[in-house]
Amino acid sequence: MPPRHLLTVWNPSYANDPLDAHLRVLLHWAARRRAGEATDDDV
């Protein structure tokens, strides 16, 4: 399997604290993966 890379882009004007908003997204997907609700392709 080839290596995977994560590319993220956000516009700070869309959130009060863009780093916290981004962290929430990552934590949400990590929790879904641990719970078996997301596959490797989703994550």
PDB file of N, CA and C in Angstrom:
ATOM      1  N   MET A   1       0.859  -1.178   0.000  1.00  0.00           N
ATOM      2  CA  MET A   1       0.000   0.000   0.000  1.00  0.00           C
ATOM      3  C   MET A   1       0.904   1.239   0.000  1.00  0.00           C
ATOM      4  N   PRO A   2       0.634   2.198  -0.861  1.00  0.00           N
ATOM      5  CA  PRO A   2       1.462   3.413  -0.906  1.00  0.00           C
ATOM      6  C   PRO A   2       1.262   4.249   0.353  1.00  0.00           C
ATOM      7  N   PRO A   3       2.233   5.076   0.698  1.00  0.00           N
ATOM      8  CA  PRO A   3       2.068   5.934   1.883  1.00  0.00           C
ATOM      9  C   PRO A   3       0.937   6.932   1.680  1.00  0.00           C
ATOM     10  N   ARG A   4       0.316   7.293   2.775  1.00  0.00           N
ATOM     11  CA  ARG A   4      -0.776   8.272   2.723  1.00  0.00           C
ATOM     12  C   ARG A   4      -0.307   9.575   3.346  1.00  0.00           C
ATOM     13  N   HIS A   5      -0.849  10.666   2.851  1.00  0.00           N
ATOM     14  CA  HIS A   5      -0.479  11.986   3.338  1.00  0.00           C
ATOM     15  C   HIS A   5      -1.748  12.767   3.660  1.00  0.00           C
ATOM     16  N   LEU A   6      -1.655  13.575   4.655  1.00  0.00           N
ATOM     17  CA  LEU A   6      -2.781  14.413   5.043  1.00  0.00           C
ATOM     18  C   LEU A   6      -2.488  15.849   4.639  1.00  0.00           C
ATOM     19  N   LEU A   7      -3.388  16.423   3.872  1.00  0.00           N
ATOM     20  CA  LEU A   7      -3.285  17.823   3.482  1.00  0.00           C
ATOM     21  C   LEU A   7      -4.517  18.522   4.023  1.00  0.00           C
ATOM     22  N   THR A   8      -4.310  19.544   4.795  1.00  0.00           N
ATOM     23  CA  THR A   8      -5.445  20.291   5.328  1.00  0.00           C
ATOM     24  C   THR A   8      -5.311  21.755   4.946  1.00  0.00           C
ATOM     25  N   VAL A   9      -6.447  22.366   4.699  1.00  0.00           N
ATOM     26  CA  VAL A   9      -6.487  23.777   4.338  1.00  0.00           C
ATOM     27  C   VAL A   9      -7.693  24.379   5.047  1.00  0.00           C
ATOM     28  N   TRP A  10      -7.515  25.504   5.632  1.00  0.00           N
ATOM     29  CA  TRP A  10      -8.658  26.179   6.226  1.00  0.00           C
ATOM     30  C   TRP A  10      -8.480  27.689   6.087  1.00  0.00           C
ATOM     31  N   ASN A  11      -9.597  28.350   6.158  1.00  0.00           N
ATOM     32  CA  ASN A  11      -9.599  29.803   6.101  1.00  0.00           C
ATOM     33  C   ASN A  11      -9.914  30.303   7.508  1.00  0.00           C
ATOM     34  N   PRO A  12      -8.976  30.968   8.164  1.00  0.00           N
ATOM     35  CA  PRO A  12      -9.194  31.405   9.553  1.00  0.00           C
ATOM     36  C   PRO A  12     -10.419  32.294   9.741  1.00  0.00           C
ATOM     37  N   SER A  13     -10.886  32.927   8.693  1.00  0.00           N
ATOM     38  CA  SER A  13     -12.038  33.807   8.856  1.00  0.00           C
ATOM     39  C   SER A  13     -13.333  33.025   9.052  1.00  0.00           C
ATOM     40  N   TYR A  14     -13.325  31.714   8.847  1.00  0.00           N
ATOM     41  CA  TYR A  14     -14.536  30.915   8.996  1.00  0.00           C
ATOM     42  C   TYR A  14     -14.737  30.374  10.403  1.00  0.00           C
ATOM     43  N   ALA A  15     -13.785  30.523  11.271  1.00  0.00           N
ATOM     44  CA  ALA A  15     -13.917  29.993  12.630  1.00  0.00           C
ATOM     45  C   ALA A  15     -13.292  30.971  13.616  1.00  0.00           C
ATOM     46  N   ASN A  16     -13.827  30.976  14.828  1.00  0.00           N
ATOM     47  CA  ASN A  16     -13.250  31.825  15.869  1.00  0.00           C
ATOM     48  C   ASN A  16     -11.838  31.364  16.208  1.00  0.00           C
ATOM     49  N   ASP A  17     -11.655  30.047  16.273  1.00  0.00           N
ATOM     50  CA  ASP A  17     -10.337  29.484  16.551  1.00  0.00           C
ATOM     51  C   ASP A  17     -10.113  28.326  15.583  1.00  0.00           C
ATOM     52  N   PRO A  18      -9.464  28.581  14.463  1.00  0.00           N
ATOM     53  CA  PRO A  18      -9.334  27.558  13.421  1.00  0.00           C
ATOM     54  C   PRO A  18      -8.572  26.315  13.870  1.00  0.00           C
ATOM     55  N   LEU A  19      -7.597  26.448  14.753  1.00  0.00           N
ATOM     56  CA  LEU A  19      -6.872  25.270  15.212  1.00  0.00           C
ATOM     57  C   LEU A  19      -7.774  24.354  16.020  1.00  0.00           C
ATOM     58  N   ASP A  20      -8.607  24.920  16.876  1.00  0.00           N
ATOM     59  CA  ASP A  20      -9.549  24.106  17.650  1.00  0.00           C
ATOM     60  C   ASP A  20     -10.577  23.445  16.730  1.00  0.00           C
ATOM     61  N   ALA A  21     -11.043  24.170  15.730  1.00  0.00           N
ATOM     62  CA  ALA A  21     -12.009  23.603  14.791  1.00  0.00           C
ATOM     63  C   ALA A  21     -11.386  22.428  14.035  1.00  0.00           C
ATOM     64  N   HIS A  22     -10.160  22.578  13.614  1.00  0.00           N
ATOM     65  CA  HIS A  22      -9.470  21.519  12.890  1.00  0.00           C
ATOM     66  C   HIS A  22      -9.231  20.310  13.800  1.00  0.00           C
ATOM     67  N   LEU A  23      -8.845  20.551  15.020  1.00  0.00           N
ATOM     68  CA  LEU A  23      -8.622  19.468  15.964  1.00  0.00           C
ATOM     69  C   LEU A  23      -9.904  18.691  16.220  1.00  0.00           C
ATOM     70  N   ARG A  24     -11.032  19.390  16.297  1.00  0.00           N
ATOM     71  CA  ARG A  24     -12.319  18.708  16.493  1.00  0.00           C
ATOM     72  C   ARG A  24     -12.605  17.754  15.334  1.00  0.00           C
ATOM     73  N   VAL A  25     -12.309  18.170  14.106  1.00  0.00           N
ATOM     74  CA  VAL A  25     -12.527  17.303  12.943  1.00  0.00           C
ATOM     75  C   VAL A  25     -11.649  16.053  13.043  1.00  0.00           C
ATOM     76  N   LEU A  26     -10.368  16.247  13.357  1.00  0.00           N
ATOM     77  CA  LEU A  26      -9.457  15.109  13.467  1.00  0.00           C
ATOM     78  C   LEU A  26      -9.879  14.149  14.580  1.00  0.00           C
ATOM     79  N   LEU A  27     -10.263  14.690  15.722  1.00  0.00           N
ATOM     80  CA  LEU A  27     -10.688  13.846  16.831  1.00  0.00           C
ATOM     81  C   LEU A  27     -11.986  13.104  16.519  1.00  0.00           C
ATOM     82  N   HIS A  28     -12.883  13.758  15.804  1.00  0.00           N
ATOM     83  CA  HIS A  28     -14.138  13.114  15.398  1.00  0.00           C
ATOM     84  C   HIS A  28     -13.856  11.896  14.527  1.00  0.00           C
ATOM     85  N   TRP A  29     -12.994  12.042  13.519  1.00  0.00           N
ATOM     86  CA  TRP A  29     -12.672  10.921  12.632  1.00  0.00           C
ATOM     87  C   TRP A  29     -11.883   9.853  13.365  1.00  0.00           C
ATOM     88  N   ALA A  30     -11.021  10.227  14.274  1.00  0.00           N
ATOM     89  CA  ALA A  30     -10.274   9.233  15.056  1.00  0.00           C
ATOM     90  C   ALA A  30     -11.234   8.400  15.904  1.00  0.00           C
ATOM     91  N   ALA A  31     -12.219   9.039  16.507  1.00  0.00           N
ATOM     92  CA  ALA A  31     -13.204   8.323  17.319  1.00  0.00           C
ATOM     93  C   ALA A  31     -14.042   7.400  16.450  1.00  0.00           C
ATOM     94  N   ARG A  32     -14.433   7.858  15.262  1.00  0.00           N
ATOM     95  CA  ARG A  32     -15.208   7.006  14.348  1.00  0.00           C
ATOM     96  C   ARG A  32     -14.393   5.796  13.915  1.00  0.00           C
ATOM     97  N   ARG A  33     -13.112   5.997  13.685  1.00  0.00           N
ATOM     98  CA  ARG A  33     -12.243   4.888  13.264  1.00  0.00           C
ATOM     99  C   ARG A  33     -12.113   3.857  14.384  1.00  0.00           C
ATOM    100  N   ARG A  34     -11.896   4.328  15.604  1.00  0.00           N
ATOM    101  CA  ARG A  34     -11.785   3.420  16.755  1.00  0.00           C
ATOM    102  C   ARG A  34     -13.077   2.642  16.978  1.00  0.00           C
ATOM    103  N   ALA A  35     -14.222   3.287  16.716  1.00  0.00           N
ATOM    104  CA  ALA A  35     -15.519   2.643  16.923  1.00  0.00           C
ATOM    105  C   ALA A  35     -15.900   1.721  15.766  1.00  0.00           C
ATOM    106  N   GLY A  36     -15.071   1.669  14.716  1.00  0.00           N
ATOM    107  CA  GLY A  36     -15.367   0.820  13.565  1.00  0.00           C
ATOM    108  C   GLY A  36     -16.358   1.416  12.610  1.00  0.00           C
ATOM    109  N   GLU A  37     -16.637   2.699  12.743  1.00  0.00           N
ATOM    110  CA  GLU A  37     -17.610   3.364  11.878  1.00  0.00           C
ATOM    111  C   GLU A  37     -16.980   3.969  10.628  1.00  0.00           C
ATOM    112  N   ALA A  38     -15.653   3.962  10.550  1.00  0.00           N
ATOM    113  CA  ALA A  38     -14.948   4.532   9.402  1.00  0.00           C
ATOM    114  C   ALA A  38     -13.870   3.544   8.961  1.00  0.00           C
ATOM    115  N   THR A  39     -13.684   3.443   7.671  1.00  0.00           N
ATOM    116  CA  THR A  39     -12.652   2.552   7.140  1.00  0.00           C
ATOM    117  C   THR A  39     -11.370   3.340   6.902  1.00  0.00           C
ATOM    118  N   ASP A  40     -10.324   2.618   6.530  1.00  0.00           N
ATOM    119  CA  ASP A  40      -9.054   3.283   6.205  1.00  0.00           C
ATOM    120  C   ASP A  40      -9.250   4.278   5.073  1.00  0.00           C
ATOM    121  N   ASP A  41     -10.106   3.941   4.096  1.00  0.00           N
ATOM    122  CA  ASP A  41     -10.331   4.842   2.972  1.00  0.00           C
ATOM    123  C   ASP A  41     -11.047   6.123   3.427  1.00  0.00           C
ATOM    124  N   ASP A  42     -11.926   6.017   4.414  1.00  0.00           N
ATOM    125  CA  ASP A  42     -12.608   7.214   4.919  1.00  0.00           C
ATOM    126  C   ASP A  42     -11.646   8.120   5.655  1.00  0.00           C
ATOM    127  N   VAL A  43     -10.808   7.502   6.465  1.00  0.00           N
ATOM    128  CA  VAL A  43      -9.888   8.275   7.284  1.00  0.00           C
ATOM    129  C   VAL A  43      -8.747   8.747   6.419  1.00  0.00           C
TER     130      VAL A  43
END
